Amino acid sequence: MNESETHLDVAPETTIHALEEEVQSLRTLFICTLLVLIVLSAALNIFLLRQASLVGTQAAEQQKAVDQYNNVNAPVAREMWVQLLKYAEKHPDFKSSIIAKYSPYLGMPAPSSTPPPAAGAPKK
């Protein structure tokens, strides 16, 4: 047999001990990293839950405002518009200026400026 085949290179005890210390150090570092990751993800989840709660509260407040407008303010505005239209029937200058100006913003059509033909009028 060759001398190289029978001779095994065994690492000295100090090298093995140093490698064991490095592995232990890596384990500790990995565990610390996992703990920090868990803490940060928990903090992020708590932050997102608070934000979702805050947005839900704001949405509920906004929905109350919309409901209050639809139930209280919108009927008053419609009634005012009807009263303005009645007034405009008697005052053509008001009809041509104010009603024509604001009707597109209200989403309500302005009454036509020419009155509809009377039913009893003869056709030519």
PDB file of N, CA and C in Angstrom:
ATOM      1  N   MET A   1       0.812  -1.168   0.000  1.00  0.00           N
ATOM      2  CA  MET A   1       0.000   0.000   0.000  1.00  0.00           C
ATOM      3  C   MET A   1       0.861   1.238   0.000  1.00  0.00           C
ATOM      4  N   ASN A   2       0.273   2.215  -0.538  1.00  0.00           N
ATOM      5  CA  ASN A   2       0.962   3.486  -0.575  1.00  0.00           C
ATOM      6  C   ASN A   2       0.867   4.171   0.770  1.00  0.00           C
ATOM      7  N   GLU A   3       1.808   4.970   0.979  1.00  0.00           N
ATOM      8  CA  GLU A   3       1.795   5.725   2.215  1.00  0.00           C
ATOM      9  C   GLU A   3       0.685   6.771   2.198  1.00  0.00           C
ATOM     10  N   SER A   4       0.365   7.325   1.015  1.00  0.00           N
ATOM     11  CA  SER A   4      -0.684   8.343   0.919  1.00  0.00           C
ATOM     12  C   SER A   4      -2.054   7.740   1.156  1.00  0.00           C
ATOM     13  N   GLU A   5      -2.264   6.459   0.846  1.00  0.00           N
ATOM     14  CA  GLU A   5      -3.554   5.827   1.065  1.00  0.00           C
ATOM     15  C   GLU A   5      -3.814   5.552   2.540  1.00  0.00           C
ATOM     16  N   THR A   6      -2.827   5.239   3.278  1.00  0.00           N
ATOM     17  CA  THR A   6      -3.015   4.918   4.678  1.00  0.00           C
ATOM     18  C   THR A   6      -2.960   6.153   5.555  1.00  0.00           C
ATOM     19  N   HIS A   7      -2.390   7.185   5.064  1.00  0.00           N
ATOM     20  CA  HIS A   7      -2.260   8.390   5.873  1.00  0.00           C
ATOM     21  C   HIS A   7      -3.504   9.272   5.678  1.00  0.00           C
ATOM     22  N   LEU A   8      -4.288   9.453   6.683  1.00  0.00           N
ATOM     23  CA  LEU A   8      -5.490  10.290   6.633  1.00  0.00           C
ATOM     24  C   LEU A   8      -5.177  11.620   7.269  1.00  0.00           C
ATOM     25  N   ASP A   9      -5.630  12.662   6.578  1.00  0.00           N
ATOM     26  CA  ASP A   9      -5.439  13.986   7.143  1.00  0.00           C
ATOM     27  C   ASP A   9      -6.610  14.290   8.063  1.00  0.00           C
ATOM     28  N   VAL A  10      -6.333  14.362   9.318  1.00  0.00           N
ATOM     29  CA  VAL A  10      -7.345  14.681  10.305  1.00  0.00           C
ATOM     30  C   VAL A  10      -7.075  16.096  10.770  1.00  0.00           C
ATOM     31  N   ALA A  11      -8.144  16.858  10.792  1.00  0.00           N
ATOM     32  CA  ALA A  11      -7.990  18.253  11.211  1.00  0.00           C
ATOM     33  C   ALA A  11      -7.660  18.280  12.690  1.00  0.00           C
ATOM     34  N   PRO A  12      -6.850  19.213  13.053  1.00  0.00           N
ATOM     35  CA  PRO A  12      -6.532  19.321  14.472  1.00  0.00           C
ATOM     36  C   PRO A  12      -7.772  19.704  15.279  1.00  0.00           C
ATOM     37  N   GLU A  13      -7.709  19.444  16.541  1.00  0.00           N
ATOM     38  CA  GLU A  13      -8.837  19.695  17.449  1.00  0.00           C
ATOM     39  C   GLU A  13      -9.212  21.174  17.486  1.00  0.00           C
ATOM     40  N   THR A  14      -8.277  22.049  17.343  1.00  0.00           N
ATOM     41  CA  THR A  14      -8.587  23.487  17.385  1.00  0.00           C
ATOM     42  C   THR A  14      -9.412  23.913  16.174  1.00  0.00           C
ATOM     43  N   THR A  15      -9.181  23.329  15.019  1.00  0.00           N
ATOM     44  CA  THR A  15      -9.940  23.668  13.819  1.00  0.00           C
ATOM     45  C   THR A  15     -11.375  23.199  13.958  1.00  0.00           C
ATOM     46  N   ILE A  16     -11.577  22.009  14.475  1.00  0.00           N
ATOM     47  CA  ILE A  16     -12.934  21.490  14.683  1.00  0.00           C
ATOM     48  C   ILE A  16     -13.673  22.374  15.687  1.00  0.00           C
ATOM     49  N   HIS A  17     -12.988  22.730  16.733  1.00  0.00           N
ATOM     50  CA  HIS A  17     -13.617  23.603  17.744  1.00  0.00           C
ATOM     51  C   HIS A  17     -13.974  24.972  17.141  1.00  0.00           C
ATOM     52  N   ALA A  18     -13.134  25.516  16.304  1.00  0.00           N
ATOM     53  CA  ALA A  18     -13.419  26.804  15.661  1.00  0.00           C
ATOM     54  C   ALA A  18     -14.616  26.690  14.732  1.00  0.00           C
ATOM     55  N   LEU A  19     -14.711  25.575  14.005  1.00  0.00           N
ATOM     56  CA  LEU A  19     -15.853  25.360  13.112  1.00  0.00           C
ATOM     57  C   LEU A  19     -17.150  25.211  13.911  1.00  0.00           C
ATOM     58  N   GLU A  20     -17.071  24.513  15.038  1.00  0.00           N
ATOM     59  CA  GLU A  20     -18.268  24.374  15.881  1.00  0.00           C
ATOM     60  C   GLU A  20     -18.716  25.744  16.405  1.00  0.00           C
ATOM     61  N   GLU A  21     -17.770  26.579  16.784  1.00  0.00           N
ATOM     62  CA  GLU A  21     -18.122  27.922  17.246  1.00  0.00           C
ATOM     63  C   GLU A  21     -18.752  28.749  16.132  1.00  0.00           C
ATOM     64  N   GLU A  22     -18.264  28.626  14.911  1.00  0.00           N
ATOM     65  CA  GLU A  22     -18.838  29.358  13.783  1.00  0.00           C
ATOM     66  C   GLU A  22     -20.264  28.887  13.491  1.00  0.00           C
ATOM     67  N   VAL A  23     -20.476  27.581  13.543  1.00  0.00           N
ATOM     68  CA  VAL A  23     -21.828  27.049  13.319  1.00  0.00           C
ATOM     69  C   VAL A  23     -22.771  27.555  14.412  1.00  0.00           C
ATOM     70  N   GLN A  24     -22.312  27.538  15.641  1.00  0.00           N
ATOM     71  CA  GLN A  24     -23.141  28.053  16.739  1.00  0.00           C
ATOM     72  C   GLN A  24     -23.424  29.532  16.549  1.00  0.00           C
ATOM     73  N   SER A  25     -22.439  30.284  16.106  1.00  0.00           N
ATOM     74  CA  SER A  25     -22.632  31.707  15.848  1.00  0.00           C
ATOM     75  C   SER A  25     -23.642  31.918  14.718  1.00  0.00           C
ATOM     76  N   LEU A  26     -23.562  31.143  13.669  1.00  0.00           N
ATOM     77  CA  LEU A  26     -24.528  31.243  12.574  1.00  0.00           C
ATOM     78  C   LEU A  26     -25.940  30.873  13.031  1.00  0.00           C
ATOM     79  N   ARG A  27     -26.047  29.862  13.875  1.00  0.00           N
ATOM     80  CA  ARG A  27     -27.362  29.489  14.423  1.00  0.00           C
ATOM     81  C   ARG A  27     -27.962  30.639  15.220  1.00  0.00           C
ATOM     82  N   THR A  28     -27.155  31.228  16.065  1.00  0.00           N
ATOM     83  CA  THR A  28     -27.625  32.351  16.884  1.00  0.00           C
ATOM     84  C   THR A  28     -28.045  33.519  15.996  1.00  0.00           C
ATOM     85  N   LEU A  29     -27.254  33.825  14.998  1.00  0.00           N
ATOM     86  CA  LEU A  29     -27.578  34.898  14.071  1.00  0.00           C
ATOM     87  C   LEU A  29     -28.873  34.601  13.311  1.00  0.00           C
ATOM     88  N   PHE A  30     -29.068  33.372  12.881  1.00  0.00           N
ATOM     89  CA  PHE A  30     -30.277  32.976  12.163  1.00  0.00           C
ATOM     90  C   PHE A  30     -31.503  33.086  13.060  1.00  0.00           C
ATOM     91  N   ILE A  31     -31.393  32.648  14.301  1.00  0.00           N
ATOM     92  CA  ILE A  31     -32.515  32.731  15.248  1.00  0.00           C
ATOM     93  C   ILE A  31     -32.855  34.192  15.546  1.00  0.00           C
ATOM     94  N   CYS A  32     -31.832  35.008  15.738  1.00  0.00           N
ATOM     95  CA  CYS A  32     -32.081  36.437  15.978  1.00  0.00           C
ATOM     96  C   CYS A  32     -32.756  37.085  14.771  1.00  0.00           C
ATOM     97  N   THR A  33     -32.314  36.733  13.589  1.00  0.00           N
ATOM     98  CA  THR A  33     -32.932  37.269  12.369  1.00  0.00           C
ATOM     99  C   THR A  33     -34.387  36.845  12.269  1.00  0.00           C
ATOM    100  N   LEU A  34     -34.696  35.599  12.584  1.00  0.00           N
ATOM    101  CA  LEU A  34     -36.080  35.129  12.564  1.00  0.00           C
ATOM    102  C   LEU A  34     -36.931  35.868  13.585  1.00  0.00           C
ATOM    103  N   LEU A  35     -36.388  36.088  14.772  1.00  0.00           N
ATOM    104  CA  LEU A  35     -37.139  36.815  15.797  1.00  0.00           C
ATOM    105  C   LEU A  35     -37.419  38.257  15.364  1.00  0.00           C
ATOM    106  N   VAL A  36     -36.432  38.915  14.783  1.00  0.00           N
ATOM    107  CA  VAL A  36     -36.635  40.282  14.303  1.00  0.00           C
ATOM    108  C   VAL A  36     -37.668  40.302  13.190  1.00  0.00           C
ATOM    109  N   LEU A  37     -37.619  39.330  12.313  1.00  0.00           N
ATOM    110  CA  LEU A  37     -38.597  39.240  11.229  1.00  0.00           C
ATOM    111  C   LEU A  37     -40.008  39.038  11.775  1.00  0.00           C
ATOM    112  N   ILE A  38     -40.158  38.203  12.774  1.00  0.00           N
ATOM    113  CA  ILE A  38     -41.471  37.977  13.384  1.00  0.00           C
ATOM    114  C   ILE A  38     -41.979  39.246  14.053  1.00  0.00           C
ATOM    115  N   VAL A  39     -41.107  39.930  14.776  1.00  0.00           N
ATOM    116  CA  VAL A  39     -41.517  41.165  15.455  1.00  0.00           C
ATOM    117  C   VAL A  39     -41.915  42.235  14.439  1.00  0.00           C
ATOM    118  N   LEU A  40     -41.135  42.389  13.376  1.00  0.00           N
ATOM    119  CA  LEU A  40     -41.457  43.389  12.363  1.00  0.00           C
ATOM    120  C   LEU A  40     -42.754  43.047  11.630  1.00  0.00           C
ATOM    121  N   SER A  41     -42.978  41.782  11.322  1.00  0.00           N
ATOM    122  CA  SER A  41     -44.229  41.419  10.634  1.00  0.00           C
ATOM    123  C   SER A  41     -45.430  41.618  11.554  1.00  0.00           C
ATOM    124  N   ALA A  42     -45.271  41.363  12.853  1.00  0.00           N
ATOM    125  CA  ALA A  42     -46.362  41.611  13.795  1.00  0.00           C
ATOM    126  C   ALA A  42     -46.647  43.108  13.895  1.00  0.00           C
ATOM    127  N   ALA A  43     -45.611  43.915  13.929  1.00  0.00           N
ATOM    128  CA  ALA A  43     -45.808  45.372  13.985  1.00  0.00           C
ATOM    129  C   ALA A  43     -46.488  45.875  12.716  1.00  0.00           C
ATOM    130  N   LEU A  44     -46.106  45.351  11.574  1.00  0.00           N
ATOM    131  CA  LEU A  44     -46.738  45.741  10.320  1.00  0.00           C
ATOM    132  C   LEU A  44     -48.214  45.333  10.303  1.00  0.00           C
ATOM    133  N   ASN A  45     -48.521  44.140  10.787  1.00  0.00           N
ATOM    134  CA  ASN A  45     -49.913  43.694  10.848  1.00  0.00           C
ATOM    135  C   ASN A  45     -50.744  44.577  11.777  1.00  0.00           C
ATOM    136  N   ILE A  46     -50.183  44.942  12.907  1.00  0.00           N
ATOM    137  CA  ILE A  46     -50.908  45.821  13.839  1.00  0.00           C
ATOM    138  C   ILE A  46     -51.150  47.182  13.188  1.00  0.00           C
ATOM    139  N   PHE A  47     -50.146  47.718  12.511  1.00  0.00           N
ATOM    140  CA  PHE A  47     -50.298  48.998  11.820  1.00  0.00           C
ATOM    141  C   PHE A  47     -51.383  48.917  10.752  1.00  0.00           C
ATOM    142  N   LEU A  48     -51.367  47.868   9.950  1.00  0.00           N
ATOM    143  CA  LEU A  48     -52.362  47.729   8.885  1.00  0.00           C
ATOM    144  C   LEU A  48     -53.764  47.529   9.452  1.00  0.00           C
ATOM    145  N   LEU A  49     -53.894  46.811  10.550  1.00  0.00           N
ATOM    146  CA  LEU A  49     -55.209  46.653  11.169  1.00  0.00           C
ATOM    147  C   LEU A  49     -55.739  47.981  11.687  1.00  0.00           C
ATOM    148  N   ARG A  50     -54.882  48.791  12.283  1.00  0.00           N
ATOM    149  CA  ARG A  50     -55.312  50.118  12.757  1.00  0.00           C
ATOM    150  C   ARG A  50     -55.717  51.004  11.587  1.00  0.00           C
ATOM    151  N   GLN A  51     -54.966  50.941  10.498  1.00  0.00           N
ATOM    152  CA  GLN A  51     -55.314  51.739   9.325  1.00  0.00           C
ATOM    153  C   GLN A  51     -56.649  51.288   8.735  1.00  0.00           C
ATOM    154  N   ALA A  52     -56.873  49.985   8.667  1.00  0.00           N
ATOM    155  CA  ALA A  52     -58.136  49.471   8.144  1.00  0.00           C
ATOM    156  C   ALA A  52     -59.294  49.896   9.037  1.00  0.00           C
ATOM    157  N   SER A  53     -59.084  49.870  10.332  1.00  0.00           N
ATOM    158  CA  SER A  53     -60.123  50.311  11.262  1.00  0.00           C
ATOM    159  C   SER A  53     -60.414  51.789  11.075  1.00  0.00           C
ATOM    160  N   LEU A  54     -59.373  52.591  10.932  1.00  0.00           N
ATOM    161  CA  LEU A  54     -59.532  54.031  10.736  1.00  0.00           C
ATOM    162  C   LEU A  54     -60.280  54.322   9.433  1.00  0.00           C
ATOM    163  N   VAL A  55     -59.925  53.628   8.369  1.00  0.00           N
ATOM    164  CA  VAL A  55     -60.596  53.823   7.085  1.00  0.00           C
ATOM    165  C   VAL A  55     -62.056  53.387   7.178  1.00  0.00           C
ATOM    166  N   GLY A  56     -62.316  52.302   7.884  1.00  0.00           N
ATOM    167  CA  GLY A  56     -63.702  51.870   8.071  1.00  0.00           C
ATOM    168  C   GLY A  56     -64.525  52.901   8.824  1.00  0.00           C
ATOM    169  N   THR A  57     -63.935  53.497   9.842  1.00  0.00           N
ATOM    170  CA  THR A  57     -64.629  54.546  10.598  1.00  0.00           C
ATOM    171  C   THR A  57     -64.897  55.758   9.713  1.00  0.00           C
ATOM    172  N   GLN A  58     -63.920  56.167   8.932  1.00  0.00           N
ATOM    173  CA  GLN A  58     -64.110  57.307   8.038  1.00  0.00           C
ATOM    174  C   GLN A  58     -65.155  57.009   6.975  1.00  0.00           C
ATOM    175  N   ALA A  59     -65.162  55.795   6.460  1.00  0.00           N
ATOM    176  CA  ALA A  59     -66.167  55.429   5.462  1.00  0.00           C
ATOM    177  C   ALA A  59     -67.569  55.465   6.063  1.00  0.00           C
ATOM    178  N   ALA A  60     -67.709  55.021   7.300  1.00  0.00           N
ATOM    179  CA  ALA A  60     -69.018  55.068   7.964  1.00  0.00           C
ATOM    180  C   ALA A  60     -69.468  56.515   8.155  1.00  0.00           C
ATOM    181  N   GLU A  61     -68.548  57.398   8.542  1.00  0.00           N
ATOM    182  CA  GLU A  61     -68.885  58.815   8.705  1.00  0.00           C
ATOM    183  C   GLU A  61     -69.296  59.433   7.372  1.00  0.00           C
ATOM    184  N   GLN A  62     -68.566  59.093   6.319  1.00  0.00           N
ATOM    185  CA  GLN A  62     -68.906  59.622   5.001  1.00  0.00           C
ATOM    186  C   GLN A  62     -70.255  59.101   4.526  1.00  0.00           C
ATOM    187  N   GLN A  63     -70.541  57.844   4.820  1.00  0.00           N
ATOM    188  CA  GLN A  63     -71.831  57.279   4.440  1.00  0.00           C
ATOM    189  C   GLN A  63     -72.969  57.980   5.183  1.00  0.00           C
ATOM    190  N   LYS A  64     -72.741  58.324   6.450  1.00  0.00           N
ATOM    191  CA  LYS A  64     -73.750  59.086   7.202  1.00  0.00           C
ATOM    192  C   LYS A  64     -73.989  60.437   6.555  1.00  0.00           C
ATOM    193  N   ALA A  65     -72.915  61.097   6.116  1.00  0.00           N
ATOM    194  CA  ALA A  65     -73.057  62.400   5.467  1.00  0.00           C
ATOM    195  C   ALA A  65     -73.819  62.273   4.152  1.00  0.00           C
ATOM    196  N   VAL A  66     -73.546  61.243   3.392  1.00  0.00           N
ATOM    197  CA  VAL A  66     -74.256  61.027   2.125  1.00  0.00           C
ATOM    198  C   VAL A  66     -75.723  60.736   2.393  1.00  0.00           C
ATOM    199  N   ASP A  67     -75.995  59.892   3.366  1.00  0.00           N
ATOM    200  CA  ASP A  67     -77.384  59.587   3.714  1.00  0.00           C
ATOM    201  C   ASP A  67     -78.117  60.835   4.187  1.00  0.00           C
ATOM    202  N   GLN A  68     -77.455  61.653   4.988  1.00  0.00           N
ATOM    203  CA  GLN A  68     -78.083  62.875   5.482  1.00  0.00           C
ATOM    204  C   GLN A  68     -78.372  63.815   4.319  1.00  0.00           C
ATOM    205  N   TYR A  69     -77.460  63.907   3.367  1.00  0.00           N
ATOM    206  CA  TYR A  69     -77.696  64.755   2.195  1.00  0.00           C
ATOM    207  C   TYR A  69     -78.873  64.224   1.379  1.00  0.00           C
ATOM    208  N   ASN A  70     -78.868  62.918   1.116  1.00  0.00           N
ATOM    209  CA  ASN A  70     -79.931  62.336   0.300  1.00  0.00           C
ATOM    210  C   ASN A  70     -81.296  62.424   0.968  1.00  0.00           C
ATOM    211  N   ASN A  71     -81.345  62.335   2.275  1.00  0.00           N
ATOM    212  CA  ASN A  71     -82.628  62.324   2.982  1.00  0.00           C
ATOM    213  C   ASN A  71     -83.109  63.707   3.389  1.00  0.00           C
ATOM    214  N   VAL A  72     -82.206  64.655   3.600  1.00  0.00           N
ATOM    215  CA  VAL A  72     -82.597  65.968   4.104  1.00  0.00           C
ATOM    216  C   VAL A  72     -82.342  67.062   3.063  1.00  0.00           C
ATOM    217  N   ASN A  73     -81.121  67.193   2.619  1.00  0.00           N
ATOM    218  CA  ASN A  73     -80.742  68.328   1.779  1.00  0.00           C
ATOM    219  C   ASN A  73     -81.236  68.202   0.340  1.00  0.00           C
ATOM    220  N   ALA A  74     -81.178  67.019  -0.232  1.00  0.00           N
ATOM    221  CA  ALA A  74     -81.578  66.855  -1.628  1.00  0.00           C
ATOM    222  C   ALA A  74     -83.058  67.186  -1.840  1.00  0.00           C
ATOM    223  N   PRO A  75     -83.973  66.730  -0.992  1.00  0.00           N
ATOM    224  CA  PRO A  75     -85.370  67.130  -1.201  1.00  0.00           C
ATOM    225  C   PRO A  75     -85.587  68.639  -1.093  1.00  0.00           C
ATOM    226  N   VAL A  76     -84.870  69.291  -0.188  1.00  0.00           N
ATOM    227  CA  VAL A  76     -84.976  70.749  -0.063  1.00  0.00           C
ATOM    228  C   VAL A  76     -84.459  71.414  -1.336  1.00  0.00           C
ATOM    229  N   ALA A  77     -83.363  70.915  -1.878  1.00  0.00           N
ATOM    230  CA  ALA A  77     -82.805  71.485  -3.102  1.00  0.00           C
ATOM    231  C   ALA A  77     -83.753  71.267  -4.278  1.00  0.00           C
ATOM    232  N   ARG A  78     -84.350  70.079  -4.358  1.00  0.00           N
ATOM    233  CA  ARG A  78     -85.322  69.823  -5.431  1.00  0.00           C
ATOM    234  C   ARG A  78     -86.521  70.761  -5.317  1.00  0.00           C
ATOM    235  N   GLU A  79     -87.013  70.948  -4.114  1.00  0.00           N
ATOM    236  CA  GLU A  79     -88.153  71.835  -3.899  1.00  0.00           C
ATOM    237  C   GLU A  79     -87.795  73.276  -4.277  1.00  0.00           C
ATOM    238  N   MET A  80     -86.599  73.699  -3.953  1.00  0.00           N
ATOM    239  CA  MET A  80     -86.159  75.038  -4.324  1.00  0.00           C
ATOM    240  C   MET A  80     -86.083  75.166  -5.835  1.00  0.00           C
ATOM    241  N   TRP A  81     -85.572  74.142  -6.494  1.00  0.00           N
ATOM    242  CA  TRP A  81     -85.487  74.159  -7.957  1.00  0.00           C
ATOM    243  C   TRP A  81     -86.881  74.263  -8.579  1.00  0.00           C
ATOM    244  N   VAL A  82     -87.823  73.518  -8.044  1.00  0.00           N
ATOM    245  CA  VAL A  82     -89.200  73.580  -8.546  1.00  0.00           C
ATOM    246  C   VAL A  82     -89.760  74.986  -8.357  1.00  0.00           C
ATOM    247  N   GLN A  83     -89.500  75.597  -7.209  1.00  0.00           N
ATOM    248  CA  GLN A  83     -89.985  76.953  -6.954  1.00  0.00           C
ATOM    249  C   GLN A  83     -89.323  77.959  -7.916  1.00  0.00           C
ATOM    250  N   LEU A  84     -88.041  77.765  -8.189  1.00  0.00           N
ATOM    251  CA  LEU A  84     -87.361  78.634  -9.148  1.00  0.00           C
ATOM    252  C   LEU A  84     -87.954  78.474 -10.548  1.00  0.00           C
ATOM    253  N   LEU A  85     -88.295  77.242 -10.923  1.00  0.00           N
ATOM    254  CA  LEU A  85     -88.905  77.016 -12.228  1.00  0.00           C
ATOM    255  C   LEU A  85     -90.265  77.685 -12.315  1.00  0.00           C
ATOM    256  N   LYS A  86     -91.025  77.624 -11.246  1.00  0.00           N
ATOM    257  CA  LYS A  86     -92.331  78.301 -11.221  1.00  0.00           C
ATOM    258  C   LYS A  86     -92.143  79.814 -11.351  1.00  0.00           C
ATOM    259  N   TYR A  87     -91.161  80.351 -10.681  1.00  0.00           N
ATOM    260  CA  TYR A  87     -90.880  81.780 -10.760  1.00  0.00           C
ATOM    261  C   TYR A  87     -90.427  82.144 -12.174  1.00  0.00           C
ATOM    262  N   ALA A  88     -89.616  81.261 -12.789  1.00  0.00           N
ATOM    263  CA  ALA A  88     -89.084  81.533 -14.125  1.00  0.00           C
ATOM    264  C   ALA A  88     -90.183  81.529 -15.179  1.00  0.00           C
ATOM    265  N   GLU A  89     -91.279  80.808 -14.936  1.00  0.00           N
ATOM    266  CA  GLU A  89     -92.383  80.803 -15.894  1.00  0.00           C
ATOM    267  C   GLU A  89     -92.980  82.201 -16.034  1.00  0.00           C
ATOM    268  N   LYS A  90     -92.985  82.942 -14.959  1.00  0.00           N
ATOM    269  CA  LYS A  90     -93.577  84.285 -14.974  1.00  0.00           C
ATOM    270  C   LYS A  90     -92.559  85.378 -15.336  1.00  0.00           C
ATOM    271  N   HIS A  91     -91.293  85.039 -15.262  1.00  0.00           N
ATOM    272  CA  HIS A  91     -90.232  86.017 -15.525  1.00  0.00           C
ATOM    273  C   HIS A  91     -89.248  85.438 -16.552  1.00  0.00           C
ATOM    274  N   PRO A  92     -89.452  85.719 -17.827  1.00  0.00           N
ATOM    275  CA  PRO A  92     -88.605  85.127 -18.878  1.00  0.00           C
ATOM    276  C   PRO A  92     -87.142  85.551 -18.797  1.00  0.00           C
ATOM    277  N   ASP A  93     -86.853  86.733 -18.316  1.00  0.00           N
ATOM    278  CA  ASP A  93     -85.446  87.141 -18.201  1.00  0.00           C
ATOM    279  C   ASP A  93     -84.713  86.298 -17.165  1.00  0.00           C
ATOM    280  N   PHE A  94     -85.401  85.940 -16.092  1.00  0.00           N
ATOM    281  CA  PHE A  94     -84.816  85.052 -15.075  1.00  0.00           C
ATOM    282  C   PHE A  94     -84.593  83.673 -15.665  1.00  0.00           C
ATOM    283  N   LYS A  95     -85.534  83.221 -16.462  1.00  0.00           N
ATOM    284  CA  LYS A  95     -85.440  81.899 -17.080  1.00  0.00           C
ATOM    285  C   LYS A  95     -84.256  81.831 -18.031  1.00  0.00           C
ATOM    286  N   SER A  96     -84.086  82.849 -18.836  1.00  0.00           N
ATOM    287  CA  SER A  96     -83.023  82.797 -19.843  1.00  0.00           C
ATOM    288  C   SER A  96     -81.633  82.982 -19.236  1.00  0.00           C
ATOM    289  N   SER A  97     -81.556  83.658 -18.129  1.00  0.00           N
ATOM    290  CA  SER A  97     -80.219  83.892 -17.568  1.00  0.00           C
ATOM    291  C   SER A  97     -79.887  82.904 -16.446  1.00  0.00           C
ATOM    292  N   ILE A  98     -80.626  82.928 -15.365  1.00  0.00           N
ATOM    293  CA  ILE A  98     -80.273  82.148 -14.171  1.00  0.00           C
ATOM    294  C   ILE A  98     -80.557  80.660 -14.365  1.00  0.00           C
ATOM    295  N   ILE A  99     -81.746  80.322 -14.812  1.00  0.00           N
ATOM    296  CA  ILE A  99     -82.114  78.906 -14.948  1.00  0.00           C
ATOM    297  C   ILE A  99     -81.236  78.243 -16.003  1.00  0.00           C
ATOM    298  N   ALA A 100     -81.032  78.897 -17.124  1.00  0.00           N
ATOM    299  CA  ALA A 100     -80.191  78.328 -18.180  1.00  0.00           C
ATOM    300  C   ALA A 100     -78.747  78.166 -17.715  1.00  0.00           C
ATOM    301  N   LYS A 101     -78.313  79.078 -16.860  1.00  0.00           N
ATOM    302  CA  LYS A 101     -76.921  79.035 -16.390  1.00  0.00           C
ATOM    303  C   LYS A 101     -76.680  77.874 -15.422  1.00  0.00           C
ATOM    304  N   TYR A 102     -77.605  77.653 -14.499  1.00  0.00           N
ATOM    305  CA  TYR A 102     -77.352  76.683 -13.435  1.00  0.00           C
ATOM    306  C   TYR A 102     -77.963  75.308 -13.661  1.00  0.00           C
ATOM    307  N   SER A 103     -78.812  75.138 -14.632  1.00  0.00           N
ATOM    308  CA  SER A 103     -79.435  73.831 -14.840  1.00  0.00           C
ATOM    309  C   SER A 103     -78.436  72.733 -15.207  1.00  0.00           C
ATOM    310  N   PRO A 104     -77.373  72.992 -15.990  1.00  0.00           N
ATOM    311  CA  PRO A 104     -76.424  71.904 -16.265  1.00  0.00           C
ATOM    312  C   PRO A 104     -75.693  71.418 -15.015  1.00  0.00           C
ATOM    313  N   TYR A 105     -75.477  72.301 -14.049  1.00  0.00           N
ATOM    314  CA  TYR A 105     -74.758  71.914 -12.834  1.00  0.00           C
ATOM    315  C   TYR A 105     -75.633  71.112 -11.886  1.00  0.00           C
ATOM    316  N   LEU A 106     -76.917  71.274 -12.006  1.00  0.00           N
ATOM    317  CA  LEU A 106     -77.833  70.567 -11.126  1.00  0.00           C
ATOM    318  C   LEU A 106     -78.228  69.203 -11.678  1.00  0.00           C
ATOM    319  N   GLY A 107     -77.902  68.967 -12.929  1.00  0.00           N
ATOM    320  CA  GLY A 107     -78.267  67.701 -13.535  1.00  0.00           C
ATOM    321  C   GLY A 107     -79.743  67.640 -13.862  1.00  0.00           C
ATOM    322  N   MET A 108     -80.377  68.778 -13.851  1.00  0.00           N
ATOM    323  CA  MET A 108     -81.800  68.854 -14.168  1.00  0.00           C
ATOM    324  C   MET A 108     -81.932  69.720 -15.412  1.00  0.00           C
ATOM    325  N   PRO A 109     -82.685  69.262 -16.378  1.00  0.00           N
ATOM    326  CA  PRO A 109     -82.793  70.055 -17.592  1.00  0.00           C
ATOM    327  C   PRO A 109     -83.581  71.336 -17.344  1.00  0.00           C
ATOM    328  N   ALA A 110     -83.157  72.355 -18.029  1.00  0.00           N
ATOM    329  CA  ALA A 110     -83.888  73.620 -17.954  1.00  0.00           C
ATOM    330  C   ALA A 110     -85.127  73.491 -18.825  1.00  0.00           C
ATOM    331  N   PRO A 111     -86.184  74.139 -18.452  1.00  0.00           N
ATOM    332  CA  PRO A 111     -87.364  74.087 -19.300  1.00  0.00           C
ATOM    333  C   PRO A 111     -87.075  74.762 -20.631  1.00  0.00           C
ATOM    334  N   SER A 112     -87.722  74.295 -21.662  1.00  0.00           N
ATOM    335  CA  SER A 112     -87.476  74.871 -22.981  1.00  0.00           C
ATOM    336  C   SER A 112     -87.908  76.332 -22.997  1.00  0.00           C
ATOM    337  N   SER A 113     -87.208  77.130 -23.769  1.00  0.00           N
ATOM    338  CA  SER A 113     -87.489  78.562 -23.769  1.00  0.00           C
ATOM    339  C   SER A 113     -88.753  78.883 -24.558  1.00  0.00           C
ATOM    340  N   THR A 114     -89.132  78.003 -25.470  1.00  0.00           N
ATOM    341  CA  THR A 114     -90.370  78.232 -26.204  1.00  0.00           C
ATOM    342  C   THR A 114     -91.459  77.386 -25.575  1.00  0.00           C
ATOM    343  N   PRO A 115     -92.603  77.961 -25.339  1.00  0.00           N
ATOM    344  CA  PRO A 115     -93.663  77.184 -24.735  1.00  0.00           C
ATOM    345  C   PRO A 115     -94.217  76.172 -25.728  1.00  0.00           C
ATOM    346  N   PRO A 116     -94.721  75.018 -25.228  1.00  0.00           N
ATOM    347  CA  PRO A 116     -95.271  74.024 -26.143  1.00  0.00           C
ATOM    348  C   PRO A 116     -96.531  74.581 -26.809  1.00  0.00           C
ATOM    349  N   PRO A 117     -96.839  74.151 -28.031  1.00  0.00           N
ATOM    350  CA  PRO A 117     -98.008  74.677 -28.721  1.00  0.00           C
ATOM    351  C   PRO A 117     -99.286  74.285 -27.987  1.00  0.00           C
ATOM    352  N   ALA A 118    -100.235  75.176 -28.011  1.00  0.00           N
ATOM    353  CA  ALA A 118    -101.501  74.914 -27.338  1.00  0.00           C
ATOM    354  C   ALA A 118    -102.262  73.840 -28.088  1.00  0.00           C
ATOM    355  N   ALA A 119    -103.048  73.070 -27.370  1.00  0.00           N
ATOM    356  CA  ALA A 119    -103.773  71.957 -27.980  1.00  0.00           C
ATOM    357  C   ALA A 119    -104.865  72.453 -28.926  1.00  0.00           C
ATOM    358  N   GLY A 120    -105.429  73.584 -28.622  1.00  0.00           N
ATOM    359  CA  GLY A 120    -106.509  74.094 -29.439  1.00  0.00           C
ATOM    360  C   GLY A 120    -106.055  74.953 -30.599  1.00  0.00           C
ATOM    361  N   ALA A 121    -104.756  75.184 -30.778  1.00  0.00           N
ATOM    362  CA  ALA A 121    -104.268  76.056 -31.846  1.00  0.00           C
ATOM    363  C   ALA A 121    -104.392  75.344 -33.194  1.00  0.00           C
ATOM    364  N   PRO A 122    -104.883  76.049 -34.190  1.00  0.00           N
ATOM    365  CA  PRO A 122    -105.018  75.414 -35.510  1.00  0.00           C
ATOM    366  C   PRO A 122    -103.655  75.245 -36.173  1.00  0.00           C
ATOM    367  N   LYS A 123    -103.485  74.163 -36.879  1.00  0.00           N
ATOM    368  CA  LYS A 123    -102.236  73.889 -37.589  1.00  0.00           C
ATOM    369  C   LYS A 123    -102.321  74.479 -38.974  1.00  0.00           C
ATOM    370  N   LYS A 124    -101.263  75.016 -39.478  1.00  0.00           N
ATOM    371  CA  LYS A 124    -101.260  75.619 -40.820  1.00  0.00           C
ATOM    372  C   LYS A 124    -100.501  74.754 -41.776  1.00  0.00           C
TER     373      LYS A 124
END
